[in-house]
Amino acid sequence: MHRLLVVDDHELMRTVLIRLLSPHCEVEAVSSGEAAIHATEARTFDGILLDIRMPGIDGVAACRAIRAAGFDGPIIALTADESVRNDPDFASAGFTDLIEKPFAADTLLNRTLPHLDGGQTGP
């Protein structure tokens, strides 16, 4: 079973993501960019769902740090800010895909699970 790291500073969003994804993969959830970096240093994941806007280390900085540490699996950005697509920092951070909030359950699953199996869905 695939292991997925979910990173979001909102507890409700983490709960929703865990409920939707846990029937399909093993899910670990953390609440900050810093915790995501530490989790990827300590454990192996097949993919990461990473919120962009978080206090402290945001999703873009966390993605850069995780990539710099050698993680080459899919990192999928989660954001309610659709303008992030045009942000040069976002574009160069190393994200595999982007899912905009709010999202439908089938959108989340159809955009996340293929990446874990090596497929591409694209931003």
PDB file of N, CA and C in Angstrom:
ATOM      1  N   MET A   1       0.851  -1.181   0.000  1.00  0.00           N
ATOM      2  CA  MET A   1       0.000   0.000   0.000  1.00  0.00           C
ATOM      3  C   MET A   1       0.894   1.242   0.000  1.00  0.00           C
ATOM      4  N   HIS A   2       0.510   2.228  -0.805  1.00  0.00           N
ATOM      5  CA  HIS A   2       1.281   3.467  -0.904  1.00  0.00           C
ATOM      6  C   HIS A   2       1.177   4.271   0.389  1.00  0.00           C
ATOM      7  N   ARG A   3       2.267   4.995   0.701  1.00  0.00           N
ATOM      8  CA  ARG A   3       2.298   5.879   1.873  1.00  0.00           C
ATOM      9  C   ARG A   3       2.269   7.319   1.388  1.00  0.00           C
ATOM     10  N   LEU A   4       1.334   8.087   1.918  1.00  0.00           N
ATOM     11  CA  LEU A   4       1.136   9.470   1.508  1.00  0.00           C
ATOM     12  C   LEU A   4       1.238  10.380   2.725  1.00  0.00           C
ATOM     13  N   LEU A   5       1.992  11.465   2.583  1.00  0.00           N
ATOM     14  CA  LEU A   5       2.084  12.484   3.628  1.00  0.00           C
ATOM     15  C   LEU A   5       1.153  13.629   3.255  1.00  0.00           C
ATOM     16  N   VAL A   6       0.268  13.994   4.169  1.00  0.00           N
ATOM     17  CA  VAL A   6      -0.656  15.108   3.998  1.00  0.00           C
ATOM     18  C   VAL A   6      -0.192  16.231   4.913  1.00  0.00           C
ATOM     19  N   VAL A   7      -0.051  17.433   4.342  1.00  0.00           N
ATOM     20  CA  VAL A   7       0.441  18.580   5.107  1.00  0.00           C
ATOM     21  C   VAL A   7      -0.536  19.742   4.946  1.00  0.00           C
ATOM     22  N   ASP A   8      -1.186  20.114   6.027  1.00  0.00           N
ATOM     23  CA  ASP A   8      -2.107  21.255   6.009  1.00  0.00           C
ATOM     24  C   ASP A   8      -2.205  21.797   7.433  1.00  0.00           C
ATOM     25  N   ASP A   9      -2.215  23.120   7.567  1.00  0.00           N
ATOM     26  CA  ASP A   9      -2.261  23.708   8.903  1.00  0.00           C
ATOM     27  C   ASP A   9      -3.665  23.726   9.493  1.00  0.00           C
ATOM     28  N   HIS A  10      -4.680  23.401   8.706  1.00  0.00           N
ATOM     29  CA  HIS A  10      -6.057  23.366   9.210  1.00  0.00           C
ATOM     30  C   HIS A  10      -6.459  21.937   9.549  1.00  0.00           C
ATOM     31  N   GLU A  11      -6.814  21.740  10.810  1.00  0.00           N
ATOM     32  CA  GLU A  11      -7.161  20.403  11.289  1.00  0.00           C
ATOM     33  C   GLU A  11      -8.329  19.794  10.518  1.00  0.00           C
ATOM     34  N   LEU A  12      -9.337  20.595  10.209  1.00  0.00           N
ATOM     35  CA  LEU A  12     -10.485  20.075   9.476  1.00  0.00           C
ATOM     36  C   LEU A  12     -10.076  19.570   8.094  1.00  0.00           C
ATOM     37  N   MET A  13      -9.218  20.315   7.417  1.00  0.00           N
ATOM     38  CA  MET A  13      -8.759  19.885   6.094  1.00  0.00           C
ATOM     39  C   MET A  13      -7.954  18.590   6.193  1.00  0.00           C
ATOM     40  N   ARG A  14      -7.100  18.479   7.208  1.00  0.00           N
ATOM     41  CA  ARG A  14      -6.348  17.230   7.394  1.00  0.00           C
ATOM     42  C   ARG A  14      -7.313  16.061   7.610  1.00  0.00           C
ATOM     43  N   THR A  15      -8.341  16.276   8.428  1.00  0.00           N
ATOM     44  CA  THR A  15      -9.327  15.226   8.696  1.00  0.00           C
ATOM     45  C   THR A  15     -10.044  14.805   7.421  1.00  0.00           C
ATOM     46  N   VAL A  16     -10.469  15.764   6.621  1.00  0.00           N
ATOM     47  CA  VAL A  16     -11.146  15.465   5.354  1.00  0.00           C
ATOM     48  C   VAL A  16     -10.222  14.679   4.432  1.00  0.00           C
ATOM     49  N   LEU A  17      -8.993  15.129   4.292  1.00  0.00           N
ATOM     50  CA  LEU A  17      -8.045  14.445   3.409  1.00  0.00           C
ATOM     51  C   LEU A  17      -7.767  13.016   3.876  1.00  0.00           C
ATOM     52  N   ILE A  18      -7.600  12.840   5.171  1.00  0.00           N
ATOM     53  CA  ILE A  18      -7.360  11.493   5.710  1.00  0.00           C
ATOM     54  C   ILE A  18      -8.550  10.589   5.408  1.00  0.00           C
ATOM     55  N   ARG A  19      -9.756  11.074   5.646  1.00  0.00           N
ATOM     56  CA  ARG A  19     -10.961  10.251   5.407  1.00  0.00           C
ATOM     57  C   ARG A  19     -11.115   9.875   3.939  1.00  0.00           C
ATOM     58  N   LEU A  20     -10.816  10.804   3.050  1.00  0.00           N
ATOM     59  CA  LEU A  20     -10.968  10.518   1.627  1.00  0.00           C
ATOM     60  C   LEU A  20      -9.880   9.588   1.093  1.00  0.00           C
ATOM     61  N   LEU A  21      -8.677   9.741   1.596  1.00  0.00           N
ATOM     62  CA  LEU A  21      -7.537   9.012   1.028  1.00  0.00           C
ATOM     63  C   LEU A  21      -7.220   7.693   1.726  1.00  0.00           C
ATOM     64  N   SER A  22      -7.557   7.568   3.007  1.00  0.00           N
ATOM     65  CA  SER A  22      -7.140   6.375   3.753  1.00  0.00           C
ATOM     66  C   SER A  22      -7.693   5.054   3.220  1.00  0.00           C
ATOM     67  N   PRO A  23      -8.842   5.006   2.533  1.00  0.00           N
ATOM     68  CA  PRO A  23      -9.241   3.724   1.946  1.00  0.00           C
ATOM     69  C   PRO A  23      -8.313   3.281   0.793  1.00  0.00           C
ATOM     70  N   HIS A  24      -7.520   4.226   0.272  1.00  0.00           N
ATOM     71  CA  HIS A  24      -6.703   3.952  -0.912  1.00  0.00           C
ATOM     72  C   HIS A  24      -5.206   3.875  -0.631  1.00  0.00           C
ATOM     73  N   CYS A  25      -4.788   4.440   0.491  1.00  0.00           N
ATOM     74  CA  CYS A  25      -3.366   4.441   0.821  1.00  0.00           C
ATOM     75  C   CYS A  25      -3.195   4.702   2.319  1.00  0.00           C
ATOM     76  N   GLU A  26      -2.004   4.443   2.805  1.00  0.00           N
ATOM     77  CA  GLU A  26      -1.670   4.746   4.195  1.00  0.00           C
ATOM     78  C   GLU A  26      -1.353   6.235   4.279  1.00  0.00           C
ATOM     79  N   VAL A  27      -2.048   6.957   5.155  1.00  0.00           N
ATOM     80  CA  VAL A  27      -1.916   8.410   5.228  1.00  0.00           C
ATOM     81  C   VAL A  27      -1.337   8.820   6.576  1.00  0.00           C
ATOM     82  N   GLU A  28      -0.322   9.658   6.520  1.00  0.00           N
ATOM     83  CA  GLU A  28       0.198  10.321   7.715  1.00  0.00           C
ATOM     84  C   GLU A  28      -0.034  11.803   7.504  1.00  0.00           C
ATOM     85  N   ALA A  29      -0.448  12.520   8.538  1.00  0.00           N
ATOM     86  CA  ALA A  29      -0.746  13.937   8.405  1.00  0.00           C
ATOM     87  C   ALA A  29       0.058  14.754   9.410  1.00  0.00           C
ATOM     88  N   VAL A  30       0.542  15.904   8.944  1.00  0.00           N
ATOM     89  CA  VAL A  30       1.241  16.858   9.802  1.00  0.00           C
ATOM     90  C   VAL A  30       0.681  18.249   9.521  1.00  0.00           C
ATOM     91  N   SER A  31       0.967  19.191  10.421  1.00  0.00           N
ATOM     92  CA  SER A  31       0.312  20.493  10.355  1.00  0.00           C
ATOM     93  C   SER A  31       1.197  21.660   9.935  1.00  0.00           C
ATOM     94  N   SER A  32       2.429  21.390   9.505  1.00  0.00           N
ATOM     95  CA  SER A  32       3.295  22.510   9.129  1.00  0.00           C
ATOM     96  C   SER A  32       4.353  22.076   8.117  1.00  0.00           C
ATOM     97  N   GLY A  33       4.915  23.070   7.451  1.00  0.00           N
ATOM     98  CA  GLY A  33       6.005  22.800   6.520  1.00  0.00           C
ATOM     99  C   GLY A  33       7.212  22.209   7.226  1.00  0.00           C
ATOM    100  N   GLU A  34       7.500  22.723   8.406  1.00  0.00           N
ATOM    101  CA  GLU A  34       8.629  22.211   9.179  1.00  0.00           C
ATOM    102  C   GLU A  34       8.414  20.739   9.540  1.00  0.00           C
ATOM    103  N   ALA A  35       7.201  20.399   9.962  1.00  0.00           N
ATOM    104  CA  ALA A  35       6.900  19.007  10.301  1.00  0.00           C
ATOM    105  C   ALA A  35       6.983  18.109   9.067  1.00  0.00           C
ATOM    106  N   ALA A  36       6.618  18.646   7.914  1.00  0.00           N
ATOM    107  CA  ALA A  36       6.722  17.875   6.664  1.00  0.00           C
ATOM    108  C   ALA A  36       8.176  17.553   6.340  1.00  0.00           C
ATOM    109  N   ILE A  37       9.034  18.534   6.491  1.00  0.00           N
ATOM    110  CA  ILE A  37      10.464  18.321   6.225  1.00  0.00           C
ATOM    111  C   ILE A  37      11.005  17.254   7.164  1.00  0.00           C
ATOM    112  N   HIS A  38      10.687  17.349   8.440  1.00  0.00           N
ATOM    113  CA  HIS A  38      11.150  16.356   9.419  1.00  0.00           C
ATOM    114  C   HIS A  38      10.583  14.969   9.125  1.00  0.00           C
ATOM    115  N   ALA A  39       9.314  14.896   8.745  1.00  0.00           N
ATOM    116  CA  ALA A  39       8.687  13.606   8.447  1.00  0.00           C
ATOM    117  C   ALA A  39       9.371  12.923   7.267  1.00  0.00           C
ATOM    118  N   THR A  40       9.708  13.704   6.238  1.00  0.00           N
ATOM    119  CA  THR A  40      10.344  13.099   5.064  1.00  0.00           C
ATOM    120  C   THR A  40      11.792  12.711   5.334  1.00  0.00           C
ATOM    121  N   GLU A  41      12.401  13.328   6.317  1.00  0.00           N
ATOM    122  CA  GLU A  41      13.757  12.920   6.716  1.00  0.00           C
ATOM    123  C   GLU A  41      13.727  11.623   7.517  1.00  0.00           C
ATOM    124  N   ALA A  42      12.637  11.398   8.246  1.00  0.00           N
ATOM    125  CA  ALA A  42      12.552  10.259   9.156  1.00  0.00           C
ATOM    126  C   ALA A  42      11.886   9.028   8.550  1.00  0.00           C
ATOM    127  N   ARG A  43      10.988   9.246   7.583  1.00  0.00           N
ATOM    128  CA  ARG A  43      10.211   8.136   7.027  1.00  0.00           C
ATOM    129  C   ARG A  43      10.148   8.234   5.510  1.00  0.00           C
ATOM    130  N   THR A  44       9.767   7.131   4.883  1.00  0.00           N
ATOM    131  CA  THR A  44       9.651   7.082   3.432  1.00  0.00           C
ATOM    132  C   THR A  44       8.195   7.226   3.013  1.00  0.00           C
ATOM    133  N   PHE A  45       7.961   8.082   2.030  1.00  0.00           N
ATOM    134  CA  PHE A  45       6.626   8.299   1.488  1.00  0.00           C
ATOM    135  C   PHE A  45       6.665   8.130  -0.022  1.00  0.00           C
ATOM    136  N   ASP A  46       5.531   7.709  -0.575  1.00  0.00           N
ATOM    137  CA  ASP A  46       5.414   7.582  -2.024  1.00  0.00           C
ATOM    138  C   ASP A  46       4.955   8.885  -2.660  1.00  0.00           C
ATOM    139  N   GLY A  47       4.374   9.775  -1.858  1.00  0.00           N
ATOM    140  CA  GLY A  47       3.914  11.060  -2.352  1.00  0.00           C
ATOM    141  C   GLY A  47       3.547  11.976  -1.210  1.00  0.00           C
ATOM    142  N   ILE A  48       3.363  13.258  -1.556  1.00  0.00           N
ATOM    143  CA  ILE A  48       3.060  14.281  -0.555  1.00  0.00           C
ATOM    144  C   ILE A  48       1.972  15.203  -1.110  1.00  0.00           C
ATOM    145  N   LEU A  49       0.955  15.474  -0.301  1.00  0.00           N
ATOM    146  CA  LEU A  49      -0.028  16.533  -0.571  1.00  0.00           C
ATOM    147  C   LEU A  49       0.345  17.684   0.350  1.00  0.00           C
ATOM    148  N   LEU A  50       0.649  18.848  -0.212  1.00  0.00           N
ATOM    149  CA  LEU A  50       1.258  19.925   0.553  1.00  0.00           C
ATOM    150  C   LEU A  50       0.513  21.241   0.345  1.00  0.00           C
ATOM    151  N   ASP A  51      -0.096  21.748   1.415  1.00  0.00           N
ATOM    152  CA  ASP A  51      -0.770  23.048   1.358  1.00  0.00           C
ATOM    153  C   ASP A  51       0.268  24.127   1.079  1.00  0.00           C
ATOM    154  N   ILE A  52      -0.111  25.113   0.288  1.00  0.00           N
ATOM    155  CA  ILE A  52       0.822  26.186  -0.078  1.00  0.00           C
ATOM    156  C   ILE A  52       0.918  27.256   1.003  1.00  0.00           C
ATOM    157  N   ARG A  53      -0.216  27.723   1.480  1.00  0.00           N
ATOM    158  CA  ARG A  53      -0.238  28.835   2.439  1.00  0.00           C
ATOM    159  C   ARG A  53      -0.334  28.318   3.864  1.00  0.00           C
ATOM    160  N   MET A  54       0.811  28.323   4.548  1.00  0.00           N
ATOM    161  CA  MET A  54       0.876  27.930   5.956  1.00  0.00           C
ATOM    162  C   MET A  54       1.789  28.909   6.675  1.00  0.00           C
ATOM    163  N   PRO A  55       1.546  29.139   7.963  1.00  0.00           N
ATOM    164  CA  PRO A  55       2.457  30.003   8.725  1.00  0.00           C
ATOM    165  C   PRO A  55       3.820  29.315   8.879  1.00  0.00           C
ATOM    166  N   GLY A  56       4.831  30.115   9.109  1.00  0.00           N
ATOM    167  CA  GLY A  56       6.179  29.552   9.244  1.00  0.00           C
ATOM    168  C   GLY A  56       6.706  29.159   7.874  1.00  0.00           C
ATOM    169  N   ILE A  57       7.170  27.943   7.761  1.00  0.00           N
ATOM    170  CA  ILE A  57       7.669  27.444   6.477  1.00  0.00           C
ATOM    171  C   ILE A  57       6.458  27.109   5.612  1.00  0.00           C
ATOM    172  N   ASP A  58       6.263  27.884   4.533  1.00  0.00           N
ATOM    173  CA  ASP A  58       5.101  27.638   3.680  1.00  0.00           C
ATOM    174  C   ASP A  58       5.354  26.448   2.757  1.00  0.00           C
ATOM    175  N   GLY A  59       4.350  26.103   1.962  1.00  0.00           N
ATOM    176  CA  GLY A  59       4.444  24.933   1.104  1.00  0.00           C
ATOM    177  C   GLY A  59       5.531  25.030   0.051  1.00  0.00           C
ATOM    178  N   VAL A  60       5.743  26.220  -0.495  1.00  0.00           N
ATOM    179  CA  VAL A  60       6.776  26.396  -1.519  1.00  0.00           C
ATOM    180  C   VAL A  60       8.150  26.145  -0.916  1.00  0.00           C
ATOM    181  N   ALA A  61       8.430  26.746   0.234  1.00  0.00           N
ATOM    182  CA  ALA A  61       9.728  26.548   0.893  1.00  0.00           C
ATOM    183  C   ALA A  61       9.900  25.093   1.326  1.00  0.00           C
ATOM    184  N   ALA A  62       8.826  24.482   1.829  1.00  0.00           N
ATOM    185  CA  ALA A  62       8.906  23.078   2.240  1.00  0.00           C
ATOM    186  C   ALA A  62       9.173  22.179   1.042  1.00  0.00           C
ATOM    187  N   CYS A  63       8.515  22.451  -0.082  1.00  0.00           N
ATOM    188  CA  CYS A  63       8.742  21.655  -1.295  1.00  0.00           C
ATOM    189  C   CYS A  63      10.205  21.761  -1.726  1.00  0.00           C
ATOM    190  N   ARG A  64      10.734  22.958  -1.740  1.00  0.00           N
ATOM    191  CA  ARG A  64      12.152  23.146  -2.122  1.00  0.00           C
ATOM    192  C   ARG A  64      13.082  22.344  -1.196  1.00  0.00           C
ATOM    193  N   ALA A  65      12.836  22.425   0.103  1.00  0.00           N
ATOM    194  CA  ALA A  65      13.688  21.726   1.070  1.00  0.00           C
ATOM    195  C   ALA A  65      13.576  20.204   0.907  1.00  0.00           C
ATOM    196  N   ILE A  66      12.370  19.719   0.698  1.00  0.00           N
ATOM    197  CA  ILE A  66      12.157  18.280   0.534  1.00  0.00           C
ATOM    198  C   ILE A  66      12.824  17.788  -0.744  1.00  0.00           C
ATOM    199  N   ARG A  67      12.700  18.560  -1.823  1.00  0.00           N
ATOM    200  CA  ARG A  67      13.376  18.201  -3.078  1.00  0.00           C
ATOM    201  C   ARG A  67      14.896  18.244  -2.900  1.00  0.00           C
ATOM    202  N   ALA A  68      15.395  19.271  -2.222  1.00  0.00           N
ATOM    203  CA  ALA A  68      16.839  19.405  -2.014  1.00  0.00           C
ATOM    204  C   ALA A  68      17.398  18.238  -1.210  1.00  0.00           C
ATOM    205  N   ALA A  69      16.568  17.654  -0.350  1.00  0.00           N
ATOM    206  CA  ALA A  69      16.997  16.503   0.459  1.00  0.00           C
ATOM    207  C   ALA A  69      16.931  15.200  -0.331  1.00  0.00           C
ATOM    208  N   GLY A  70      16.463  15.272  -1.587  1.00  0.00           N
ATOM    209  CA  GLY A  70      16.496  14.099  -2.441  1.00  0.00           C
ATOM    210  C   GLY A  70      15.175  13.406  -2.712  1.00  0.00           C
ATOM    211  N   PHE A  71      14.066  13.919  -2.194  1.00  0.00           N
ATOM    212  CA  PHE A  71      12.771  13.287  -2.467  1.00  0.00           C
ATOM    213  C   PHE A  71      12.414  13.511  -3.926  1.00  0.00           C
ATOM    214  N   ASP A  72      12.176  12.426  -4.660  1.00  0.00           N
ATOM    215  CA  ASP A  72      11.853  12.571  -6.074  1.00  0.00           C
ATOM    216  C   ASP A  72      10.452  12.080  -6.423  1.00  0.00           C
ATOM    217  N   GLY A  73       9.644  11.758  -5.399  1.00  0.00           N
ATOM    218  CA  GLY A  73       8.264  11.353  -5.631  1.00  0.00           C
ATOM    219  C   GLY A  73       7.388  12.550  -5.920  1.00  0.00           C
ATOM    220  N   PRO A  74       6.111  12.301  -6.191  1.00  0.00           N
ATOM    221  CA  PRO A  74       5.199  13.402  -6.477  1.00  0.00           C
ATOM    222  C   PRO A  74       4.908  14.257  -5.248  1.00  0.00           C
ATOM    223  N   ILE A  75       4.949  15.553  -5.451  1.00  0.00           N
ATOM    224  CA  ILE A  75       4.522  16.519  -4.434  1.00  0.00           C
ATOM    225  C   ILE A  75       3.416  17.340  -5.080  1.00  0.00           C
ATOM    226  N   ILE A  76       2.219  17.200  -4.540  1.00  0.00           N
ATOM    227  CA  ILE A  76       1.046  17.856  -5.107  1.00  0.00           C
ATOM    228  C   ILE A  76       0.652  19.016  -4.210  1.00  0.00           C
ATOM    229  N   ALA A  77       0.584  20.198  -4.805  1.00  0.00           N
ATOM    230  CA  ALA A  77       0.216  21.402  -4.069  1.00  0.00           C
ATOM    231  C   ALA A  77      -1.287  21.459  -3.872  1.00  0.00           C
ATOM    232  N   LEU A  78      -1.693  21.915  -2.696  1.00  0.00           N
ATOM    233  CA  LEU A  78      -3.093  22.207  -2.387  1.00  0.00           C
ATOM    234  C   LEU A  78      -3.200  23.700  -2.102  1.00  0.00           C
ATOM    235  N   THR A  79      -4.141  24.375  -2.757  1.00  0.00           N
ATOM    236  CA  THR A  79      -4.272  25.807  -2.511  1.00  0.00           C
ATOM    237  C   THR A  79      -5.660  26.311  -2.853  1.00  0.00           C
ATOM    238  N   ALA A  80      -6.093  27.321  -2.143  1.00  0.00           N
ATOM    239  CA  ALA A  80      -7.327  28.022  -2.455  1.00  0.00           C
ATOM    240  C   ALA A  80      -7.031  29.255  -3.305  1.00  0.00           C
ATOM    241  N   ASP A  81      -5.759  29.527  -3.549  1.00  0.00           N
ATOM    242  CA  ASP A  81      -5.325  30.707  -4.289  1.00  0.00           C
ATOM    243  C   ASP A  81      -4.910  30.298  -5.698  1.00  0.00           C
ATOM    244  N   GLU A  82      -5.836  30.419  -6.649  1.00  0.00           N
ATOM    245  CA  GLU A  82      -5.540  29.967  -8.007  1.00  0.00           C
ATOM    246  C   GLU A  82      -4.461  30.804  -8.699  1.00  0.00           C
ATOM    247  N   SER A  83      -4.173  32.001  -8.202  1.00  0.00           N
ATOM    248  CA  SER A  83      -3.135  32.831  -8.813  1.00  0.00           C
ATOM    249  C   SER A  83      -1.740  32.267  -8.583  1.00  0.00           C
ATOM    250  N   VAL A  84      -1.615  31.278  -7.696  1.00  0.00           N
ATOM    251  CA  VAL A  84      -0.310  30.697  -7.398  1.00  0.00           C
ATOM    252  C   VAL A  84       0.330  30.082  -8.647  1.00  0.00           C
ATOM    253  N   ARG A  85      -0.492  29.642  -9.608  1.00  0.00           N
ATOM    254  CA  ARG A  85       0.032  29.050 -10.853  1.00  0.00           C
ATOM    255  C   ARG A  85       0.969  30.006 -11.583  1.00  0.00           C
ATOM    256  N   ASN A  86       0.729  31.311 -11.446  1.00  0.00           N
ATOM    257  CA  ASN A  86       1.533  32.312 -12.152  1.00  0.00           C
ATOM    258  C   ASN A  86       2.713  32.818 -11.336  1.00  0.00           C
ATOM    259  N   ASP A  87       2.884  32.311 -10.137  1.00  0.00           N
ATOM    260  CA  ASP A  87       3.971  32.743  -9.251  1.00  0.00           C
ATOM    261  C   ASP A  87       5.259  32.021  -9.650  1.00  0.00           C
ATOM    262  N   PRO A  88       6.304  32.759 -10.023  1.00  0.00           N
ATOM    263  CA  PRO A  88       7.554  32.115 -10.433  1.00  0.00           C
ATOM    264  C   PRO A  88       8.171  31.231  -9.341  1.00  0.00           C
ATOM    265  N   ASP A  89       8.008  31.615  -8.067  1.00  0.00           N
ATOM    266  CA  ASP A  89       8.535  30.786  -6.977  1.00  0.00           C
ATOM    267  C   ASP A  89       7.830  29.439  -6.945  1.00  0.00           C
ATOM    268  N   PHE A  90       6.513  29.435  -7.146  1.00  0.00           N
ATOM    269  CA  PHE A  90       5.761  28.188  -7.178  1.00  0.00           C
ATOM    270  C   PHE A  90       6.212  27.331  -8.361  1.00  0.00           C
ATOM    271  N   ALA A  91       6.317  27.944  -9.513  1.00  0.00           N
ATOM    272  CA  ALA A  91       6.651  27.207 -10.734  1.00  0.00           C
ATOM    273  C   ALA A  91       8.009  26.521 -10.640  1.00  0.00           C
ATOM    274  N   SER A  92       8.944  27.114  -9.927  1.00  0.00           N
ATOM    275  CA  SER A  92      10.296  26.549  -9.851  1.00  0.00           C
ATOM    276  C   SER A  92      10.534  25.686  -8.607  1.00  0.00           C
ATOM    277  N   ALA A  93       9.528  25.526  -7.761  1.00  0.00           N
ATOM    278  CA  ALA A  93       9.717  24.823  -6.478  1.00  0.00           C
ATOM    279  C   ALA A  93       9.839  23.315  -6.625  1.00  0.00           C
ATOM    280  N   GLY A  94       9.266  22.744  -7.680  1.00  0.00           N
ATOM    281  CA  GLY A  94       9.361  21.300  -7.868  1.00  0.00           C
ATOM    282  C   GLY A  94       8.084  20.527  -7.636  1.00  0.00           C
ATOM    283  N   PHE A  95       6.943  21.218  -7.671  1.00  0.00           N
ATOM    284  CA  PHE A  95       5.669  20.529  -7.513  1.00  0.00           C
ATOM    285  C   PHE A  95       5.363  19.697  -8.752  1.00  0.00           C
ATOM    286  N   THR A  96       4.677  18.595  -8.540  1.00  0.00           N
ATOM    287  CA  THR A  96       4.275  17.704  -9.614  1.00  0.00           C
ATOM    288  C   THR A  96       2.926  18.115 -10.190  1.00  0.00           C
ATOM    289  N   ASP A  97       2.050  18.604  -9.337  1.00  0.00           N
ATOM    290  CA  ASP A  97       0.689  18.931  -9.738  1.00  0.00           C
ATOM    291  C   ASP A  97       0.124  19.921  -8.735  1.00  0.00           C
ATOM    292  N   LEU A  98      -1.075  20.433  -9.025  1.00  0.00           N
ATOM    293  CA  LEU A  98      -1.743  21.377  -8.149  1.00  0.00           C
ATOM    294  C   LEU A  98      -3.231  21.042  -8.127  1.00  0.00           C
ATOM    295  N   ILE A  99      -3.800  20.998  -6.939  1.00  0.00           N
ATOM    296  CA  ILE A  99      -5.237  20.800  -6.762  1.00  0.00           C
ATOM    297  C   ILE A  99      -5.768  22.033  -6.041  1.00  0.00           C
ATOM    298  N   GLU A 100      -6.765  22.651  -6.655  1.00  0.00           N
ATOM    299  CA  GLU A 100      -7.330  23.858  -6.070  1.00  0.00           C
ATOM    300  C   GLU A 100      -8.453  23.517  -5.101  1.00  0.00           C
ATOM    301  N   LYS A 101      -8.437  24.205  -3.951  1.00  0.00           N
ATOM    302  CA  LYS A 101      -9.502  24.096  -2.960  1.00  0.00           C
ATOM    303  C   LYS A 101     -10.566  25.130  -3.288  1.00  0.00           C
ATOM    304  N   PRO A 102     -11.812  24.848  -3.103  1.00  0.00           N
ATOM    305  CA  PRO A 102     -12.365  23.562  -2.677  1.00  0.00           C
ATOM    306  C   PRO A 102     -12.324  22.571  -3.831  1.00  0.00           C
ATOM    307  N   PHE A 103     -12.280  21.311  -3.497  1.00  0.00           N
ATOM    308  CA  PHE A 103     -12.233  20.263  -4.509  1.00  0.00           C
ATOM    309  C   PHE A 103     -13.300  19.220  -4.208  1.00  0.00           C
ATOM    310  N   ALA A 104     -13.734  18.543  -5.232  1.00  0.00           N
ATOM    311  CA  ALA A 104     -14.655  17.417  -5.060  1.00  0.00           C
ATOM    312  C   ALA A 104     -13.828  16.185  -4.710  1.00  0.00           C
ATOM    313  N   ALA A 105     -14.426  15.252  -3.994  1.00  0.00           N
ATOM    314  CA  ALA A 105     -13.702  14.038  -3.586  1.00  0.00           C
ATOM    315  C   ALA A 105     -13.133  13.304  -4.783  1.00  0.00           C
ATOM    316  N   ASP A 106     -13.912  13.168  -5.864  1.00  0.00           N
ATOM    317  CA  ASP A 106     -13.404  12.440  -7.029  1.00  0.00           C
ATOM    318  C   ASP A 106     -12.248  13.179  -7.694  1.00  0.00           C
ATOM    319  N   THR A 107     -12.265  14.504  -7.650  1.00  0.00           N
ATOM    320  CA  THR A 107     -11.139  15.275  -8.196  1.00  0.00           C
ATOM    321  C   THR A 107      -9.872  14.987  -7.400  1.00  0.00           C
ATOM    322  N   LEU A 108      -9.984  15.009  -6.086  1.00  0.00           N
ATOM    323  CA  LEU A 108      -8.824  14.715  -5.242  1.00  0.00           C
ATOM    324  C   LEU A 108      -8.253  13.335  -5.563  1.00  0.00           C
ATOM    325  N   LEU A 109      -9.108  12.344  -5.595  1.00  0.00           N
ATOM    326  CA  LEU A 109      -8.646  10.971  -5.840  1.00  0.00           C
ATOM    327  C   LEU A 109      -8.090  10.809  -7.250  1.00  0.00           C
ATOM    328  N   ASN A 110      -8.769  11.375  -8.247  1.00  0.00           N
ATOM    329  CA  ASN A 110      -8.326  11.232  -9.633  1.00  0.00           C
ATOM    330  C   ASN A 110      -7.053  12.005  -9.949  1.00  0.00           C
ATOM    331  N   ARG A 111      -6.752  13.021  -9.148  1.00  0.00           N
ATOM    332  CA  ARG A 111      -5.539  13.799  -9.370  1.00  0.00           C
ATOM    333  C   ARG A 111      -4.383  13.343  -8.483  1.00  0.00           C
ATOM    334  N   THR A 112      -4.667  12.580  -7.426  1.00  0.00           N
ATOM    335  CA  THR A 112      -3.622  12.149  -6.498  1.00  0.00           C
ATOM    336  C   THR A 112      -3.177  10.715  -6.748  1.00  0.00           C
ATOM    337  N   LEU A 113      -4.109   9.795  -6.779  1.00  0.00           N
ATOM    338  CA  LEU A 113      -3.761   8.368  -6.842  1.00  0.00           C
ATOM    339  C   LEU A 113      -2.947   7.969  -8.076  1.00  0.00           C
ATOM    340  N   PRO A 114      -3.231   8.508  -9.268  1.00  0.00           N
ATOM    341  CA  PRO A 114      -2.383   8.130 -10.411  1.00  0.00           C
ATOM    342  C   PRO A 114      -0.913   8.503 -10.229  1.00  0.00           C
ATOM    343  N   HIS A 115      -0.647   9.605  -9.546  1.00  0.00           N
ATOM    344  CA  HIS A 115       0.747   9.992  -9.289  1.00  0.00           C
ATOM    345  C   HIS A 115       1.451   8.950  -8.422  1.00  0.00           C
ATOM    346  N   LEU A 116       0.740   8.381  -7.462  1.00  0.00           N
ATOM    347  CA  LEU A 116       1.341   7.396  -6.585  1.00  0.00           C
ATOM    348  C   LEU A 116       1.680   6.115  -7.348  1.00  0.00           C
ATOM    349  N   ASP A 117       0.957   5.876  -8.421  1.00  0.00           N
ATOM    350  CA  ASP A 117       1.215   4.692  -9.259  1.00  0.00           C
ATOM    351  C   ASP A 117       2.150   5.007 -10.422  1.00  0.00           C
ATOM    352  N   GLY A 118       2.749   6.204 -10.405  1.00  0.00           N
ATOM    353  CA  GLY A 118       3.702   6.574 -11.446  1.00  0.00           C
ATOM    354  C   GLY A 118       3.075   7.214 -12.662  1.00  0.00           C
ATOM    355  N   GLY A 119       1.766   7.433 -12.624  1.00  0.00           N
ATOM    356  CA  GLY A 119       1.091   8.062 -13.746  1.00  0.00           C
ATOM    357  C   GLY A 119       1.206   9.572 -13.674  1.00  0.00           C
ATOM    358  N   GLN A 120       0.845  10.222 -14.737  1.00  0.00           N
ATOM    359  CA  GLN A 120       0.881  11.678 -14.784  1.00  0.00           C
ATOM    360  C   GLN A 120      -0.515  12.209 -15.018  1.00  0.00           C
ATOM    361  N   THR A 121      -0.923  13.209 -14.269  1.00  0.00           N
ATOM    362  CA  THR A 121      -2.192  13.868 -14.533  1.00  0.00           C
ATOM    363  C   THR A 121      -1.956  15.310 -14.973  1.00  0.00           C
ATOM    364  N   GLY A 122      -0.865  15.898 -14.537  1.00  0.00           N
ATOM    365  CA  GLY A 122      -0.498  17.254 -14.953  1.00  0.00           C
ATOM    366  C   GLY A 122      -1.317  18.340 -14.276  1.00  0.00           C
ATOM    367  N   PRO A 123      -0.704  19.528 -14.118  1.00  0.00           N
ATOM    368  CA  PRO A 123      -1.400  20.650 -13.499  1.00  0.00           C
ATOM    369  C   PRO A 123      -2.449  21.266 -14.411  1.00  0.00           C
TER     370      PRO A 123
END
